[in-house]
C-alpha atoms as a PDB file:
ATOM      1  CA  MET A   1      -8.880  -8.135  19.727  1.00  0.00           C
ATOM      2  CA  GLN A   2      -5.305  -7.942  20.968  1.00  0.00           C
ATOM      3  CA  LEU A   3      -6.083  -4.665  22.768  1.00  0.00           C
ATOM      4  CA  ILE A   4      -9.186  -6.030  24.526  1.00  0.00           C
ATOM      5  CA  ASP A   5      -8.470  -7.920  27.708  1.00  0.00           C
ATOM      6  CA  ASP A   6     -11.646  -7.034  29.560  1.00  0.00           C
ATOM      7  CA  ARG A   7     -14.681  -9.253  29.592  1.00  0.00           C
ATOM      8  CA  PHE A   8     -17.857  -7.290  29.002  1.00  0.00           C
ATOM      9  CA  ALA A   9     -21.133  -9.103  29.662  1.00  0.00           C
ATOM     10  CA  LYS A  10     -22.947  -7.580  26.689  1.00  0.00           C
ATOM     11  CA  HIS A  11     -21.399  -5.880  23.686  1.00  0.00           C
ATOM     12  CA  LEU A  12     -22.621  -4.160  20.531  1.00  0.00           C
ATOM     13  CA  ASP A  13     -20.700  -3.970  17.266  1.00  0.00           C
ATOM     14  CA  VAL A  14     -21.920  -0.954  15.255  1.00  0.00           C
ATOM     15  CA  GLY A  15     -21.295  -1.567  11.560  1.00  0.00           C
ATOM     16  CA  CYS A  16     -20.754  -5.275  12.209  1.00  0.00           C
ATOM     17  CA  ALA A  17     -20.093  -6.275   8.572  1.00  0.00           C
ATOM     18  CA  ASP A  18     -19.666 -10.069   8.475  1.00  0.00           C
ATOM     19  CA  GLY A  19     -19.713 -10.440  12.276  1.00  0.00           C
ATOM     20  CA  THR A  20     -16.015 -11.248  12.627  1.00  0.00           C
ATOM     21  CA  PHE A  21     -15.477  -9.000  15.666  1.00  0.00           C
ATOM     22  CA  THR A  22     -18.453 -10.521  17.490  1.00  0.00           C
ATOM     23  CA  LYS A  23     -17.348 -14.023  16.553  1.00  0.00           C
ATOM     24  CA  ASN A  24     -13.813 -13.444  17.864  1.00  0.00           C
ATOM     25  CA  TYR A  25     -15.036 -11.710  21.003  1.00  0.00           C
ATOM     26  CA  LEU A  26     -17.466 -14.540  21.798  1.00  0.00           C
ATOM     27  CA  LYS A  27     -14.711 -17.074  21.160  1.00  0.00           C
ATOM     28  CA  LYS A  28     -12.451 -15.267  23.635  1.00  0.00           C
ATOM     29  CA  PHE A  29     -15.288 -14.681  26.152  1.00  0.00           C
ATOM     30  CA  PRO A  30     -17.921 -17.396  25.506  1.00  0.00           C
ATOM     31  CA  ASP A  31     -20.090 -16.484  28.507  1.00  0.00           C
ATOM     32  CA  THR A  32     -20.905 -13.029  27.095  1.00  0.00           C
ATOM     33  CA  LYS A  33     -23.654 -11.806  24.769  1.00  0.00           C
ATOM     34  CA  GLY A  34     -22.798 -10.268  21.410  1.00  0.00           C
ATOM     35  CA  TYR A  35     -24.948  -8.070  19.213  1.00  0.00           C
ATOM     36  CA  GLY A  36     -24.238  -6.394  15.907  1.00  0.00           C
ATOM     37  CA  ILE A  37     -25.999  -3.901  13.702  1.00  0.00           C
ATOM     38  CA  ASP A  38     -25.415  -2.979  10.101  1.00  0.00           C
ATOM     39  CA  ILE A  39     -27.428  -0.890   7.675  1.00  0.00           C
ATOM     40  CA  SER A  40     -27.575  -3.829   5.242  1.00  0.00           C
ATOM     41  CA  GLU A  41     -29.923  -6.742   5.830  1.00  0.00           C
ATOM     42  CA  VAL A  42     -27.805  -8.867   3.460  1.00  0.00           C
ATOM     43  CA  VAL A  43     -24.706  -8.139   5.537  1.00  0.00           C
ATOM     44  CA  CYS A  44     -26.542  -9.028   8.744  1.00  0.00           C
ATOM     45  CA  ASP A  45     -27.527 -12.353   7.178  1.00  0.00           C
ATOM     46  CA  LEU A  46     -23.838 -12.976   6.400  1.00  0.00           C
ATOM     47  CA  ALA A  47     -22.943 -12.114   9.995  1.00  0.00           C
ATOM     48  CA  LYS A  48     -25.583 -14.548  11.302  1.00  0.00           C
ATOM     49  CA  ALA A  49     -24.112 -17.312   9.116  1.00  0.00           C
ATOM     50  CA  ASN A  50     -20.558 -16.470  10.221  1.00  0.00           C
ATOM     51  CA  CYS A  51     -21.447 -16.139  13.916  1.00  0.00           C
ATOM     52  CA  PRO A  52     -24.647 -17.992  14.799  1.00  0.00           C
ATOM     53  CA  GLU A  53     -24.135 -17.390  18.514  1.00  0.00           C
ATOM     54  CA  GLY A  54     -24.428 -13.608  17.995  1.00  0.00           C
ATOM     55  CA  THR A  55     -27.537 -11.511  17.396  1.00  0.00           C
ATOM     56  CA  PHE A  56     -27.429  -9.336  14.277  1.00  0.00           C
ATOM     57  CA  ILE A  57     -30.041  -6.740  13.417  1.00  0.00           C
ATOM     58  CA  PRO A  58     -30.355  -4.522  10.341  1.00  0.00           C
ATOM     59  CA  ALA A  59     -30.405  -1.003  11.775  1.00  0.00           C
ATOM     60  CA  ASP A  60     -29.303   2.564  11.220  1.00  0.00           C
ATOM     61  CA  CYS A  61     -26.479   3.893  13.417  1.00  0.00           C
ATOM     62  CA  TYR A  62     -28.507   7.035  14.157  1.00  0.00           C
ATOM     63  CA  THR A  63     -31.419   5.133  15.726  1.00  0.00           C
ATOM     64  CA  LEU A  64     -30.086   2.028  17.453  1.00  0.00           C
ATOM     65  CA  PRO A  65     -32.947  -0.356  18.348  1.00  0.00           C
ATOM     66  CA  PHE A  66     -31.916  -0.739  21.987  1.00  0.00           C
ATOM     67  CA  PRO A  67     -32.853   0.954  25.261  1.00  0.00           C
ATOM     68  CA  ASP A  68     -30.614   3.460  27.020  1.00  0.00           C
ATOM     69  CA  ASP A  69     -27.670   2.083  29.028  1.00  0.00           C
ATOM     70  CA  GLU A  70     -27.907  -1.420  27.521  1.00  0.00           C
ATOM     71  CA  PHE A  71     -24.296  -2.392  26.682  1.00  0.00           C
ATOM     72  CA  ASP A  72     -21.033  -2.690  28.595  1.00  0.00           C
ATOM     73  CA  LEU A  73     -19.025  -2.337  25.381  1.00  0.00           C
ATOM     74  CA  VAL A  74     -19.824  -0.564  22.121  1.00  0.00           C
ATOM     75  CA  HIS A  75     -17.385  -1.302  19.302  1.00  0.00           C
ATOM     76  CA  CYS A  76     -17.270   0.626  16.022  1.00  0.00           C
ATOM     77  CA  ALA A  77     -14.512  -0.374  13.600  1.00  0.00           C
ATOM     78  CA  GLU A  78     -13.902   1.306  10.274  1.00  0.00           C
ATOM     79  CA  MET A  79     -17.454   2.625  10.039  1.00  0.00           C
ATOM     80  CA  ILE A  80     -17.614   6.150  11.419  1.00  0.00           C
ATOM     81  CA  GLU A  81     -15.765   7.600   8.422  1.00  0.00           C
ATOM     82  CA  HIS A  82     -18.592   6.409   6.124  1.00  0.00           C
ATOM     83  CA  VAL A  83     -21.535   8.196   7.771  1.00  0.00           C
ATOM     84  CA  ASP A  84     -22.879  11.650   7.005  1.00  0.00           C
ATOM     85  CA  TYR A  85     -23.297  12.667  10.653  1.00  0.00           C
ATOM     86  CA  PRO A  86     -20.609  11.021  12.804  1.00  0.00           C
ATOM     87  CA  GLU A  87     -21.442  13.141  15.871  1.00  0.00           C
ATOM     88  CA  GLN A  88     -25.025  11.842  15.790  1.00  0.00           C
ATOM     89  CA  ALA A  89     -23.825   8.244  15.428  1.00  0.00           C
ATOM     90  CA  ILE A  90     -21.469   8.634  18.393  1.00  0.00           C
ATOM     91  CA  ALA A  91     -24.207  10.295  20.464  1.00  0.00           C
ATOM     92  CA  GLU A  92     -26.436   7.282  19.763  1.00  0.00           C
ATOM     93  CA  MET A  93     -23.652   4.874  20.748  1.00  0.00           C
ATOM     94  CA  TYR A  94     -23.258   6.902  23.939  1.00  0.00           C
ATOM     95  CA  ARG A  95     -26.973   6.549  24.645  1.00  0.00           C
ATOM     96  CA  VAL A  96     -26.936   2.742  24.562  1.00  0.00           C
ATOM     97  CA  LEU A  97     -23.689   2.462  26.544  1.00  0.00           C
ATOM     98  CA  LYS A  98     -24.017   1.833  30.286  1.00  0.00           C
ATOM     99  CA  PRO A  99     -22.447   4.317  32.703  1.00  0.00           C
ATOM    100  CA  GLY A 100     -18.888   3.096  33.198  1.00  0.00           C
ATOM    101  CA  GLY A 101     -19.097   1.241  29.872  1.00  0.00           C
ATOM    102  CA  THR A 102     -16.420   1.348  27.191  1.00  0.00           C
ATOM    103  CA  ILE A 103     -16.553   2.529  23.601  1.00  0.00           C
ATOM    104  CA  ILE A 104     -13.898   1.489  21.087  1.00  0.00           C
ATOM    105  CA  ILE A 105     -13.648   3.280  17.755  1.00  0.00           C
ATOM    106  CA  THR A 106     -11.174   2.620  14.979  1.00  0.00           C
ATOM    107  CA  THR A 107     -11.001   4.786  11.895  1.00  0.00           C
ATOM    108  CA  PRO A 108      -8.441   5.692   9.249  1.00  0.00           C
ATOM    109  CA  ASN A 109      -6.092   8.435  10.412  1.00  0.00           C
ATOM    110  CA  GLN A 110      -4.481  11.256   8.457  1.00  0.00           C
ATOM    111  CA  ASN A 111      -1.854   8.809   7.065  1.00  0.00           C
ATOM    112  CA  ALA A 112      -4.397   6.484   5.451  1.00  0.00           C
ATOM    113  CA  ALA A 113      -4.914   6.343   1.703  1.00  0.00           C
ATOM    114  CA  GLU A 114      -7.724   8.402   0.223  1.00  0.00           C
ATOM    115  CA  TYR A 115     -10.885   6.451  -0.607  1.00  0.00           C
ATOM    116  CA  GLU A 116     -13.895   7.958  -2.309  1.00  0.00           C
ATOM    117  CA  GLU A 117     -16.294   6.273   0.120  1.00  0.00           C
ATOM    118  CA  HIS A 118     -14.563   7.842   3.161  1.00  0.00           C
ATOM    119  CA  LEU A 119     -16.420  11.014   4.019  1.00  0.00           C
ATOM    120  CA  TRP A 120     -14.180  11.926   6.969  1.00  0.00           C
ATOM    121  CA  LYS A 121     -10.611  11.644   8.128  1.00  0.00           C
ATOM    122  CA  TRP A 122      -9.434  12.735  11.575  1.00  0.00           C
ATOM    123  CA  ASP A 123      -6.329  12.881  13.624  1.00  0.00           C
ATOM    124  CA  ALA A 124      -6.643  11.527  17.166  1.00  0.00           C
ATOM    125  CA  ASN A 125      -7.329  14.982  18.583  1.00  0.00           C
ATOM    126  CA  GLY A 126     -10.235  15.478  16.170  1.00  0.00           C
ATOM    127  CA  VAL A 127     -12.006  12.302  17.257  1.00  0.00           C
ATOM    128  CA  ARG A 128     -11.184  13.062  20.897  1.00  0.00           C
ATOM    129  CA  LEU A 129     -12.920  16.423  20.506  1.00  0.00           C
ATOM    130  CA  MET A 130     -15.900  14.764  18.836  1.00  0.00           C
ATOM    131  CA  LEU A 131     -16.201  12.230  21.670  1.00  0.00           C
ATOM    132  CA  GLY A 132     -15.913  14.893  24.325  1.00  0.00           C
ATOM    133  CA  THR A 133     -17.914  17.823  22.995  1.00  0.00           C
ATOM    134  CA  HIS A 134     -20.599  16.680  20.567  1.00  0.00           C
ATOM    135  CA  MET A 135     -22.950  14.876  22.895  1.00  0.00           C
ATOM    136  CA  SER A 136     -26.580  15.848  23.416  1.00  0.00           C
ATOM    137  CA  LYS A 137     -27.330  18.590  25.959  1.00  0.00           C
ATOM    138  CA  ASP A 138     -28.011  16.122  28.780  1.00  0.00           C
ATOM    139  CA  LYS A 139     -24.726  14.277  28.127  1.00  0.00           C
ATOM    140  CA  LEU A 140     -22.314  17.207  27.921  1.00  0.00           C
ATOM    141  CA  GLU A 141     -19.718  15.457  30.057  1.00  0.00           C
ATOM    142  CA  GLY A 142     -18.939  13.153  27.122  1.00  0.00           C
ATOM    143  CA  PHE A 143     -16.559  10.245  27.504  1.00  0.00           C
ATOM    144  CA  LYS A 144     -13.955  10.117  30.219  1.00  0.00           C
ATOM    145  CA  ASN A 145     -10.629   8.294  30.272  1.00  0.00           C
ATOM    146  CA  ILE A 146     -10.006   8.442  26.541  1.00  0.00           C
ATOM    147  CA  GLU A 147      -7.046   6.304  25.510  1.00  0.00           C
ATOM    148  CA  GLU A 148      -5.723   6.700  22.011  1.00  0.00           C
ATOM    149  CA  PHE A 149      -3.302   5.020  19.664  1.00  0.00           C
ATOM    150  CA  PRO A 150      -3.118   7.565  16.849  1.00  0.00           C
ATOM    151  CA  SER A 151      -1.007   5.380  14.556  1.00  0.00           C
ATOM    152  CA  PHE A 152      -2.205   1.801  14.955  1.00  0.00           C
ATOM    153  CA  HIS A 153      -2.213  -1.035  12.380  1.00  0.00           C
ATOM    154  CA  ASN A 154       0.719  -0.147  10.127  1.00  0.00           C
ATOM    155  CA  GLY A 155       0.341   3.531  10.994  1.00  0.00           C
ATOM    156  CA  HIS A 156      -2.894   4.050   9.046  1.00  0.00           C
ATOM    157  CA  ILE A 157      -5.588   3.440  11.663  1.00  0.00           C
ATOM    158  CA  MET A 158      -6.414   5.288  14.842  1.00  0.00           C
ATOM    159  CA  TYR A 159      -7.757   3.404  17.850  1.00  0.00           C
ATOM    160  CA  LEU A 160      -9.671   5.221  20.559  1.00  0.00           C
ATOM    161  CA  ARG A 161     -11.130   3.820  23.757  1.00  0.00           C
ATOM    162  CA  GLY A 162     -13.386   5.912  25.942  1.00  0.00           C
ATOM    163  CA  VAL A 163     -15.330   5.279  29.137  1.00  0.00           C
ATOM    164  CA  LYS A 164     -18.774   6.739  29.758  1.00  0.00           C
END
């Protein structure tokens, strides 16, 4: 939250877990709308209890249940390293992001500890390449204005912010 100073009217948290990001964002910007998705219905129920002012939907990151160009902000924290097809997940996040909208991704970097459930580990350049070159054929321009903090949060997390 400390790196987000912009107020986005409508945001989506992909891999929302217990809804903490949405809760904190809505506390900071109460006149906005917050949505979250997670693969687990149980987790979405926890998010609803933790953040009743948000909307939480059990959904797969490869088929987000929203129309194209729906959100001003798409946030994905500590999730992308757990999916089999990260390029497809990012392409789907791109689809639901409005032109000029912002995506924020955090993921463990090359300095992070090894965890069996982490399928991927990138350096900042690797995620930058994925954001810029692995979009669908009609979205080849990828994200523009990519800002990166390759060694964030005690040096073990990478933070990337891109604009569609």
